[in-house]
Amino acid sequence: MDRILKPSGKFSLIDVSVPKIRILKPFYMFYLKNIIPILGKVFLGSPETYKILGIYTQEFGNSKNVYGIFNKANFEVEYIEYFFGCASGIKGVKK
């Protein structure tokens, strides 16, 4: 990002995340691990690509680690959660 952006250039990154709300978490993870691969198979013919999404999301958690990396670099960064924590991301500006 540092190499690509000019000074004052803006960026935004978003990723699926594990929600913090306990009642939402099991349903959302079931959806990512089971429903999304079925939809991928039905509409795109490739469930393997989408099976990894639930596994990756469970390991990834949210974008706080990415926020920490960019916050130390040459950027002004803000961490954001969307849809009750089902997605998270960062947005920022290169200094």
PDB file of N, CA and C in Angstrom:
ATOM      1  N   MET A   1       0.833  -1.179   0.000  1.00  0.00           N
ATOM      2  CA  MET A   1       0.000   0.000   0.000  1.00  0.00           C
ATOM      3  C   MET A   1       0.881   1.247   0.000  1.00  0.00           C
ATOM      4  N   ASP A   2       1.954   1.189   0.760  1.00  0.00           N
ATOM      5  CA  ASP A   2       2.863   2.335   0.834  1.00  0.00           C
ATOM      6  C   ASP A   2       3.491   2.610  -0.528  1.00  0.00           C
ATOM      7  N   ARG A   3       3.801   1.568  -1.256  1.00  0.00           N
ATOM      8  CA  ARG A   3       4.423   1.701  -2.571  1.00  0.00           C
ATOM      9  C   ARG A   3       3.432   2.199  -3.621  1.00  0.00           C
ATOM     10  N   ILE A   4       2.168   1.833  -3.479  1.00  0.00           N
ATOM     11  CA  ILE A   4       1.161   2.149  -4.486  1.00  0.00           C
ATOM     12  C   ILE A   4       0.586   3.556  -4.332  1.00  0.00           C
ATOM     13  N   LEU A   5       0.324   3.966  -3.106  1.00  0.00           N
ATOM     14  CA  LEU A   5      -0.354   5.245  -2.877  1.00  0.00           C
ATOM     15  C   LEU A   5       0.591   6.436  -2.896  1.00  0.00           C
ATOM     16  N   LYS A   6       0.098   7.530  -3.416  1.00  0.00           N
ATOM     17  CA  LYS A   6       0.802   8.803  -3.328  1.00  0.00           C
ATOM     18  C   LYS A   6       0.519   9.405  -1.955  1.00  0.00           C
ATOM     19  N   PRO A   7       1.298  10.383  -1.499  1.00  0.00           N
ATOM     20  CA  PRO A   7       0.960  11.072  -0.256  1.00  0.00           C
ATOM     21  C   PRO A   7      -0.471  11.623  -0.336  1.00  0.00           C
ATOM     22  N   SER A   8      -1.202  11.483   0.735  1.00  0.00           N
ATOM     23  CA  SER A   8      -2.617  11.848   0.857  1.00  0.00           C
ATOM     24  C   SER A   8      -3.548  10.900   0.106  1.00  0.00           C
ATOM     25  N   GLY A   9      -3.019   9.801  -0.420  1.00  0.00           N
ATOM     26  CA  GLY A   9      -3.851   8.800  -1.081  1.00  0.00           C
ATOM     27  C   GLY A   9      -4.663   8.017  -0.068  1.00  0.00           C
ATOM     28  N   LYS A  10      -5.888   7.669  -0.418  1.00  0.00           N
ATOM     29  CA  LYS A  10      -6.794   6.978   0.493  1.00  0.00           C
ATOM     30  C   LYS A  10      -6.924   5.513   0.098  1.00  0.00           C
ATOM     31  N   PHE A  11      -7.215   4.667   1.105  1.00  0.00           N
ATOM     32  CA  PHE A  11      -7.440   3.251   0.854  1.00  0.00           C
ATOM     33  C   PHE A  11      -8.494   2.726   1.820  1.00  0.00           C
ATOM     34  N   SER A  12      -9.044   1.580   1.471  1.00  0.00           N
ATOM     35  CA  SER A  12     -10.035   0.919   2.307  1.00  0.00           C
ATOM     36  C   SER A  12      -9.921  -0.584   2.087  1.00  0.00           C
ATOM     37  N   LEU A  13      -9.927  -1.354   3.168  1.00  0.00           N
ATOM     38  CA  LEU A  13      -9.880  -2.812   3.105  1.00  0.00           C
ATOM     39  C   LEU A  13     -11.026  -3.357   3.954  1.00  0.00           C
ATOM     40  N   ILE A  14     -11.713  -4.376   3.479  1.00  0.00           N
ATOM     41  CA  ILE A  14     -12.803  -4.976   4.237  1.00  0.00           C
ATOM     42  C   ILE A  14     -12.726  -6.489   4.092  1.00  0.00           C
ATOM     43  N   ASP A  15     -13.092  -7.198   5.150  1.00  0.00           N
ATOM     44  CA  ASP A  15     -13.041  -8.652   5.139  1.00  0.00           C
ATOM     45  C   ASP A  15     -14.146  -9.200   6.018  1.00  0.00           C
ATOM     46  N   VAL A  16     -14.547 -10.442   5.760  1.00  0.00           N
ATOM     47  CA  VAL A  16     -15.515 -11.079   6.645  1.00  0.00           C
ATOM     48  C   VAL A  16     -14.848 -11.321   7.989  1.00  0.00           C
ATOM     49  N   SER A  17     -15.621 -11.271   9.067  1.00  0.00           N
ATOM     50  CA  SER A  17     -15.079 -11.391  10.409  1.00  0.00           C
ATOM     51  C   SER A  17     -15.995 -12.239  11.280  1.00  0.00           C
ATOM     52  N   VAL A  18     -15.472 -12.658  12.409  1.00  0.00           N
ATOM     53  CA  VAL A  18     -16.270 -13.378  13.398  1.00  0.00           C
ATOM     54  C   VAL A  18     -16.985 -12.337  14.257  1.00  0.00           C
ATOM     55  N   PRO A  19     -18.314 -12.370  14.298  1.00  0.00           N
ATOM     56  CA  PRO A  19     -19.041 -11.380  15.098  1.00  0.00           C
ATOM     57  C   PRO A  19     -18.826 -11.579  16.587  1.00  0.00           C
ATOM     58  N   LYS A  20     -18.886 -10.492  17.345  1.00  0.00           N
ATOM     59  CA  LYS A  20     -18.697 -10.545  18.791  1.00  0.00           C
ATOM     60  C   LYS A  20     -19.961 -10.999  19.523  1.00  0.00           C
ATOM     61  N   ILE A  21     -21.121 -10.765  18.920  1.00  0.00           N
ATOM     62  CA  ILE A  21     -22.390 -11.105  19.558  1.00  0.00           C
ATOM     63  C   ILE A  21     -22.515 -12.622  19.638  1.00  0.00           C
ATOM     64  N   ARG A  22     -22.569 -13.150  20.866  1.00  0.00           N
ATOM     65  CA  ARG A  22     -22.541 -14.599  21.072  1.00  0.00           C
ATOM     66  C   ARG A  22     -23.668 -15.338  20.373  1.00  0.00           C
ATOM     67  N   ILE A  23     -24.847 -14.773  20.370  1.00  0.00           N
ATOM     68  CA  ILE A  23     -25.987 -15.456  19.746  1.00  0.00           C
ATOM     69  C   ILE A  23     -25.882 -15.461  18.224  1.00  0.00           C
ATOM     70  N   LEU A  24     -25.232 -14.487  17.653  1.00  0.00           N
ATOM     71  CA  LEU A  24     -25.079 -14.379  16.205  1.00  0.00           C
ATOM     72  C   LEU A  24     -23.934 -15.246  15.679  1.00  0.00           C
ATOM     73  N   LYS A  25     -22.887 -15.393  16.472  1.00  0.00           N
ATOM     74  CA  LYS A  25     -21.677 -16.086  16.034  1.00  0.00           C
ATOM     75  C   LYS A  25     -21.926 -17.502  15.499  1.00  0.00           C
ATOM     76  N   PRO A  26     -22.627 -18.404  16.227  1.00  0.00           N
ATOM     77  CA  PRO A  26     -22.793 -19.768  15.685  1.00  0.00           C
ATOM     78  C   PRO A  26     -23.597 -19.817  14.386  1.00  0.00           C
ATOM     79  N   PHE A  27     -24.623 -18.973  14.270  1.00  0.00           N
ATOM     80  CA  PHE A  27     -25.420 -18.952  13.046  1.00  0.00           C
ATOM     81  C   PHE A  27     -24.615 -18.428  11.859  1.00  0.00           C
ATOM     82  N   TYR A  28     -23.847 -17.381  12.106  1.00  0.00           N
ATOM     83  CA  TYR A  28     -23.045 -16.796  11.036  1.00  0.00           C
ATOM     84  C   TYR A  28     -21.941 -17.753  10.588  1.00  0.00           C
ATOM     85  N   MET A  29     -21.288 -18.406  11.548  1.00  0.00           N
ATOM     86  CA  MET A  29     -20.228 -19.346  11.191  1.00  0.00           C
ATOM     87  C   MET A  29     -20.811 -20.564  10.464  1.00  0.00           C
ATOM     88  N   PHE A  30     -21.997 -21.023  10.859  1.00  0.00           N
ATOM     89  CA  PHE A  30     -22.664 -22.102  10.134  1.00  0.00           C
ATOM     90  C   PHE A  30     -22.930 -21.675   8.695  1.00  0.00           C
ATOM     91  N   TYR A  31     -23.410 -20.466   8.543  1.00  0.00           N
ATOM     92  CA  TYR A  31     -23.685 -19.907   7.221  1.00  0.00           C
ATOM     93  C   TYR A  31     -22.416 -19.886   6.364  1.00  0.00           C
ATOM     94  N   LEU A  32     -21.309 -19.397   6.923  1.00  0.00           N
ATOM     95  CA  LEU A  32     -20.053 -19.320   6.160  1.00  0.00           C
ATOM     96  C   LEU A  32     -19.503 -20.695   5.812  1.00  0.00           C
ATOM     97  N   LYS A  33     -19.590 -21.625   6.752  1.00  0.00           N
ATOM     98  CA  LYS A  33     -18.983 -22.940   6.549  1.00  0.00           C
ATOM     99  C   LYS A  33     -19.860 -23.905   5.760  1.00  0.00           C
ATOM    100  N   ASN A  34     -21.177 -23.706   5.772  1.00  0.00           N
ATOM    101  CA  ASN A  34     -22.066 -24.681   5.145  1.00  0.00           C
ATOM    102  C   ASN A  34     -22.910 -24.124   3.998  1.00  0.00           C
ATOM    103  N   ILE A  35     -23.508 -22.992   4.183  1.00  0.00           N
ATOM    104  CA  ILE A  35     -24.410 -22.439   3.166  1.00  0.00           C
ATOM    105  C   ILE A  35     -23.638 -21.816   2.002  1.00  0.00           C
ATOM    106  N   ILE A  36     -22.640 -21.035   2.316  1.00  0.00           N
ATOM    107  CA  ILE A  36     -21.848 -20.381   1.258  1.00  0.00           C
ATOM    108  C   ILE A  36     -21.228 -21.402   0.298  1.00  0.00           C
ATOM    109  N   PRO A  37     -20.627 -22.522   0.769  1.00  0.00           N
ATOM    110  CA  PRO A  37     -20.109 -23.504  -0.191  1.00  0.00           C
ATOM    111  C   PRO A  37     -21.206 -24.113  -1.084  1.00  0.00           C
ATOM    112  N   ILE A  38     -22.406 -24.312  -0.529  1.00  0.00           N
ATOM    113  CA  ILE A  38     -23.505 -24.841  -1.344  1.00  0.00           C
ATOM    114  C   ILE A  38     -23.889 -23.833  -2.428  1.00  0.00           C
ATOM    115  N   LEU A  39     -24.000 -22.577  -2.031  1.00  0.00           N
ATOM    116  CA  LEU A  39     -24.318 -21.532  -3.010  1.00  0.00           C
ATOM    117  C   LEU A  39     -23.227 -21.422  -4.077  1.00  0.00           C
ATOM    118  N   GLY A  40     -21.983 -21.579  -3.648  1.00  0.00           N
ATOM    119  CA  GLY A  40     -20.869 -21.555  -4.596  1.00  0.00           C
ATOM    120  C   GLY A  40     -20.958 -22.690  -5.595  1.00  0.00           C
ATOM    121  N   LYS A  41     -21.361 -23.866  -5.119  1.00  0.00           N
ATOM    122  CA  LYS A  41     -21.506 -25.015  -6.012  1.00  0.00           C
ATOM    123  C   LYS A  41     -22.675 -24.821  -6.971  1.00  0.00           C
ATOM    124  N   VAL A  42     -23.806 -24.356  -6.454  1.00  0.00           N
ATOM    125  CA  VAL A  42     -25.001 -24.188  -7.288  1.00  0.00           C
ATOM    126  C   VAL A  42     -24.798 -23.126  -8.359  1.00  0.00           C
ATOM    127  N   PHE A  43     -24.262 -21.968  -7.961  1.00  0.00           N
ATOM    128  CA  PHE A  43     -24.177 -20.852  -8.900  1.00  0.00           C
ATOM    129  C   PHE A  43     -22.861 -20.762  -9.669  1.00  0.00           C
ATOM    130  N   LEU A  44     -21.789 -21.277  -9.075  1.00  0.00           N
ATOM    131  CA  LEU A  44     -20.488 -21.118  -9.720  1.00  0.00           C
ATOM    132  C   LEU A  44     -19.789 -22.439 -10.015  1.00  0.00           C
ATOM    133  N   GLY A  45     -20.338 -23.546  -9.489  1.00  0.00           N
ATOM    134  CA  GLY A  45     -19.766 -24.856  -9.761  1.00  0.00           C
ATOM    135  C   GLY A  45     -18.483 -25.160  -9.030  1.00  0.00           C
ATOM    136  N   SER A  46     -18.148 -24.385  -7.993  1.00  0.00           N
ATOM    137  CA  SER A  46     -16.866 -24.569  -7.313  1.00  0.00           C
ATOM    138  C   SER A  46     -17.013 -24.386  -5.801  1.00  0.00           C
ATOM    139  N   PRO A  47     -17.449 -25.407  -5.064  1.00  0.00           N
ATOM    140  CA  PRO A  47     -17.600 -25.244  -3.621  1.00  0.00           C
ATOM    141  C   PRO A  47     -16.265 -25.178  -2.870  1.00  0.00           C
ATOM    142  N   GLU A  48     -15.207 -25.747  -3.442  1.00  0.00           N
ATOM    143  CA  GLU A  48     -13.908 -25.780  -2.753  1.00  0.00           C
ATOM    144  C   GLU A  48     -13.404 -24.378  -2.438  1.00  0.00           C
ATOM    145  N   THR A  49     -13.606 -23.476  -3.354  1.00  0.00           N
ATOM    146  CA  THR A  49     -13.159 -22.103  -3.171  1.00  0.00           C
ATOM    147  C   THR A  49     -13.845 -21.466  -1.967  1.00  0.00           C
ATOM    148  N   TYR A  50     -15.099 -21.799  -1.758  1.00  0.00           N
ATOM    149  CA  TYR A  50     -15.886 -21.163  -0.705  1.00  0.00           C
ATOM    150  C   TYR A  50     -15.835 -21.903   0.623  1.00  0.00           C
ATOM    151  N   LYS A  51     -15.401 -23.165   0.618  1.00  0.00           N
ATOM    152  CA  LYS A  51     -15.257 -23.914   1.869  1.00  0.00           C
ATOM    153  C   LYS A  51     -14.209 -23.267   2.767  1.00  0.00           C
ATOM    154  N   ILE A  52     -13.166 -22.758   2.182  1.00  0.00           N
ATOM    155  CA  ILE A  52     -12.076 -22.155   2.942  1.00  0.00           C
ATOM    156  C   ILE A  52     -12.489 -20.861   3.623  1.00  0.00           C
ATOM    157  N   LEU A  53     -13.554 -20.215   3.158  1.00  0.00           N
ATOM    158  CA  LEU A  53     -13.989 -18.931   3.711  1.00  0.00           C
ATOM    159  C   LEU A  53     -14.309 -19.029   5.204  1.00  0.00           C
ATOM    160  N   GLY A  54     -15.056 -20.047   5.613  1.00  0.00           N
ATOM    161  CA  GLY A  54     -15.385 -20.218   7.028  1.00  0.00           C
ATOM    162  C   GLY A  54     -14.168 -20.528   7.874  1.00  0.00           C
ATOM    163  N   ILE A  55     -13.294 -21.359   7.350  1.00  0.00           N
ATOM    164  CA  ILE A  55     -12.063 -21.718   8.070  1.00  0.00           C
ATOM    165  C   ILE A  55     -11.170 -20.494   8.220  1.00  0.00           C
ATOM    166  N   TYR A  56     -10.986 -19.786   7.135  1.00  0.00           N
ATOM    167  CA  TYR A  56     -10.170 -18.569   7.160  1.00  0.00           C
ATOM    168  C   TYR A  56     -10.743 -17.544   8.138  1.00  0.00           C
ATOM    169  N   THR A  57     -12.044 -17.339   8.090  1.00  0.00           N
ATOM    170  CA  THR A  57     -12.685 -16.348   8.956  1.00  0.00           C
ATOM    171  C   THR A  57     -12.516 -16.708  10.417  1.00  0.00           C
ATOM    172  N   GLN A  58     -12.685 -17.979  10.746  1.00  0.00           N
ATOM    173  CA  GLN A  58     -12.526 -18.408  12.138  1.00  0.00           C
ATOM    174  C   GLN A  58     -11.100 -18.160  12.625  1.00  0.00           C
ATOM    175  N   GLU A  59     -10.111 -18.412  11.786  1.00  0.00           N
ATOM    176  CA  GLU A  59      -8.716 -18.178  12.165  1.00  0.00           C
ATOM    177  C   GLU A  59      -8.358 -16.695  12.155  1.00  0.00           C
ATOM    178  N   PHE A  60      -8.885 -15.973  11.194  1.00  0.00           N
ATOM    179  CA  PHE A  60      -8.576 -14.557  11.020  1.00  0.00           C
ATOM    180  C   PHE A  60      -9.177 -13.703  12.132  1.00  0.00           C
ATOM    181  N   GLY A  61     -10.410 -13.982  12.506  1.00  0.00           N
ATOM    182  CA  GLY A  61     -11.084 -13.204  13.544  1.00  0.00           C
ATOM    183  C   GLY A  61     -11.655 -11.912  13.006  1.00  0.00           C
ATOM    184  N   ASN A  62     -10.822 -10.888  12.962  1.00  0.00           N
ATOM    185  CA  ASN A  62     -11.252  -9.588  12.422  1.00  0.00           C
ATOM    186  C   ASN A  62     -10.024  -8.814  11.943  1.00  0.00           C
ATOM    187  N   SER A  63     -10.236  -7.578  11.558  1.00  0.00           N
ATOM    188  CA  SER A  63      -9.162  -6.771  10.949  1.00  0.00           C
ATOM    189  C   SER A  63      -8.298  -6.018  11.961  1.00  0.00           C
ATOM    190  N   LYS A  64      -8.385  -6.351  13.242  1.00  0.00           N
ATOM    191  CA  LYS A  64      -7.592  -5.618  14.236  1.00  0.00           C
ATOM    192  C   LYS A  64      -6.091  -5.821  14.055  1.00  0.00           C
ATOM    193  N   ASN A  65      -5.668  -7.007  13.642  1.00  0.00           N
ATOM    194  CA  ASN A  65      -4.238  -7.223  13.389  1.00  0.00           C
ATOM    195  C   ASN A  65      -3.757  -6.385  12.210  1.00  0.00           C
ATOM    196  N   VAL A  66      -4.576  -6.313  11.177  1.00  0.00           N
ATOM    197  CA  VAL A  66      -4.235  -5.493  10.009  1.00  0.00           C
ATOM    198  C   VAL A  66      -4.177  -4.026  10.420  1.00  0.00           C
ATOM    199  N   TYR A  67      -5.109  -3.629  11.266  1.00  0.00           N
ATOM    200  CA  TYR A  67      -5.105  -2.254  11.786  1.00  0.00           C
ATOM    201  C   TYR A  67      -3.782  -1.968  12.504  1.00  0.00           C
ATOM    202  N   GLY A  68      -3.330  -2.903  13.313  1.00  0.00           N
ATOM    203  CA  GLY A  68      -2.067  -2.722  14.028  1.00  0.00           C
ATOM    204  C   GLY A  68      -0.879  -2.574  13.095  1.00  0.00           C
ATOM    205  N   ILE A  69      -0.878  -3.335  12.023  1.00  0.00           N
ATOM    206  CA  ILE A  69       0.217  -3.254  11.048  1.00  0.00           C
ATOM    207  C   ILE A  69       0.224  -1.897  10.350  1.00  0.00           C
ATOM    208  N   PHE A  70      -0.926  -1.464   9.879  1.00  0.00           N
ATOM    209  CA  PHE A  70      -1.002  -0.198   9.152  1.00  0.00           C
ATOM    210  C   PHE A  70      -0.854   1.002  10.077  1.00  0.00           C
ATOM    211  N   ASN A  71      -1.263   0.863  11.326  1.00  0.00           N
ATOM    212  CA  ASN A  71      -1.166   1.971  12.270  1.00  0.00           C
ATOM    213  C   ASN A  71       0.292   2.294  12.594  1.00  0.00           C
ATOM    214  N   LYS A  72       1.181   1.334  12.481  1.00  0.00           N
ATOM    215  CA  LYS A  72       2.600   1.554  12.744  1.00  0.00           C
ATOM    216  C   LYS A  72       3.334   2.115  11.532  1.00  0.00           C
ATOM    217  N   ALA A  73       2.757   1.924  10.378  1.00  0.00           N
ATOM    218  CA  ALA A  73       3.419   2.356   9.145  1.00  0.00           C
ATOM    219  C   ALA A  73       3.131   3.830   8.874  1.00  0.00           C
ATOM    220  N   ASN A  74       3.284   4.229   7.646  1.00  0.00           N
ATOM    221  CA  ASN A  74       3.187   5.625   7.228  1.00  0.00           C
ATOM    222  C   ASN A  74       1.741   6.013   6.886  1.00  0.00           C
ATOM    223  N   PHE A  75       0.776   5.615   7.758  1.00  0.00           N
ATOM    224  CA  PHE A  75      -0.633   5.828   7.475  1.00  0.00           C
ATOM    225  C   PHE A  75      -1.382   6.349   8.691  1.00  0.00           C
ATOM    226  N   GLU A  76      -2.470   7.075   8.443  1.00  0.00           N
ATOM    227  CA  GLU A  76      -3.468   7.384   9.464  1.00  0.00           C
ATOM    228  C   GLU A  76      -4.613   6.423   9.199  1.00  0.00           C
ATOM    229  N   VAL A  77      -4.938   5.565  10.173  1.00  0.00           N
ATOM    230  CA  VAL A  77      -5.850   4.455   9.940  1.00  0.00           C
ATOM    231  C   VAL A  77      -6.992   4.455  10.950  1.00  0.00           C
ATOM    232  N   GLU A  78      -8.158   3.969  10.490  1.00  0.00           N
ATOM    233  CA  GLU A  78      -9.327   3.819  11.344  1.00  0.00           C
ATOM    234  C   GLU A  78      -9.873   2.399  11.176  1.00  0.00           C
ATOM    235  N   TYR A  79     -10.164   1.743  12.311  1.00  0.00           N
ATOM    236  CA  TYR A  79     -10.760   0.399  12.309  1.00  0.00           C
ATOM    237  C   TYR A  79     -12.279   0.545  12.317  1.00  0.00           C
ATOM    238  N   ILE A  80     -12.975  -0.261  11.491  1.00  0.00           N
ATOM    239  CA  ILE A  80     -14.433  -0.161  11.373  1.00  0.00           C
ATOM    240  C   ILE A  80     -15.039  -1.557  11.372  1.00  0.00           C
ATOM    241  N   GLU A  81     -16.179  -1.705  12.062  1.00  0.00           N
ATOM    242  CA  GLU A  81     -16.947  -2.951  12.011  1.00  0.00           C
ATOM    243  C   GLU A  81     -18.274  -2.690  11.315  1.00  0.00           C
ATOM    244  N   TYR A  82     -18.709  -3.672  10.526  1.00  0.00           N
ATOM    245  CA  TYR A  82     -19.964  -3.589   9.789  1.00  0.00           C
ATOM    246  C   TYR A  82     -20.858  -4.778  10.151  1.00  0.00           C
ATOM    247  N   PHE A  83     -22.161  -4.608  10.030  1.00  0.00           N
ATOM    248  CA  PHE A  83     -23.131  -5.697  10.196  1.00  0.00           C
ATOM    249  C   PHE A  83     -22.916  -6.471  11.497  1.00  0.00           C
ATOM    250  N   PHE A  84     -22.861  -5.737  12.612  1.00  0.00           N
ATOM    251  CA  PHE A  84     -22.710  -6.327  13.945  1.00  0.00           C
ATOM    252  C   PHE A  84     -21.423  -7.130  14.089  1.00  0.00           C
ATOM    253  N   GLY A  85     -20.393  -6.750  13.368  1.00  0.00           N
ATOM    254  CA  GLY A  85     -19.097  -7.414  13.461  1.00  0.00           C
ATOM    255  C   GLY A  85     -18.908  -8.556  12.477  1.00  0.00           C
ATOM    256  N   CYS A  86     -19.876  -8.817  11.593  1.00  0.00           N
ATOM    257  CA  CYS A  86     -19.737  -9.884  10.596  1.00  0.00           C
ATOM    258  C   CYS A  86     -18.729  -9.501   9.515  1.00  0.00           C
ATOM    259  N   ALA A  87     -18.405  -8.256   9.429  1.00  0.00           N
ATOM    260  CA  ALA A  87     -17.360  -7.758   8.537  1.00  0.00           C
ATOM    261  C   ALA A  87     -16.601  -6.675   9.275  1.00  0.00           C
ATOM    262  N   SER A  88     -15.334  -6.565   8.987  1.00  0.00           N
ATOM    263  CA  SER A  88     -14.525  -5.502   9.586  1.00  0.00           C
ATOM    264  C   SER A  88     -13.497  -5.055   8.568  1.00  0.00           C
ATOM    265  N   GLY A  89     -12.962  -3.900   8.819  1.00  0.00           N
ATOM    266  CA  GLY A  89     -11.982  -3.383   7.885  1.00  0.00           C
ATOM    267  C   GLY A  89     -11.254  -2.180   8.429  1.00  0.00           C
ATOM    268  N   ILE A  90     -10.406  -1.667   7.599  1.00  0.00           N
ATOM    269  CA  ILE A  90      -9.696  -0.449   7.937  1.00  0.00           C
ATOM    270  C   ILE A  90      -9.807   0.509   6.764  1.00  0.00           C
ATOM    271  N   LYS A  91      -9.755   1.780   7.073  1.00  0.00           N
ATOM    272  CA  LYS A  91      -9.648   2.796   6.030  1.00  0.00           C
ATOM    273  C   LYS A  91      -8.623   3.781   6.493  1.00  0.00           C
ATOM    274  N   GLY A  92      -7.965   4.398   5.550  1.00  0.00           N
ATOM    275  CA  GLY A  92      -6.922   5.305   5.954  1.00  0.00           C
ATOM    276  C   GLY A  92      -6.394   6.172   4.828  1.00  0.00           C
ATOM    277  N   VAL A  93      -5.408   6.959   5.203  1.00  0.00           N
ATOM    278  CA  VAL A  93      -4.758   7.901   4.293  1.00  0.00           C
ATOM    279  C   VAL A  93      -3.256   7.763   4.493  1.00  0.00           C
ATOM    280  N   LYS A  94      -2.539   7.797   3.399  1.00  0.00           N
ATOM    281  CA  LYS A  94      -1.084   7.790   3.491  1.00  0.00           C
ATOM    282  C   LYS A  94      -0.626   9.182   3.898  1.00  0.00           C
ATOM    283  N   LYS A  95       0.269   9.245   4.878  1.00  0.00           N
ATOM    284  CA  LYS A  95       0.773  10.538   5.353  1.00  0.00           C
ATOM    285  C   LYS A  95       1.707  11.160   4.347  1.00  0.00           C
TER     286      LYS A  95
END
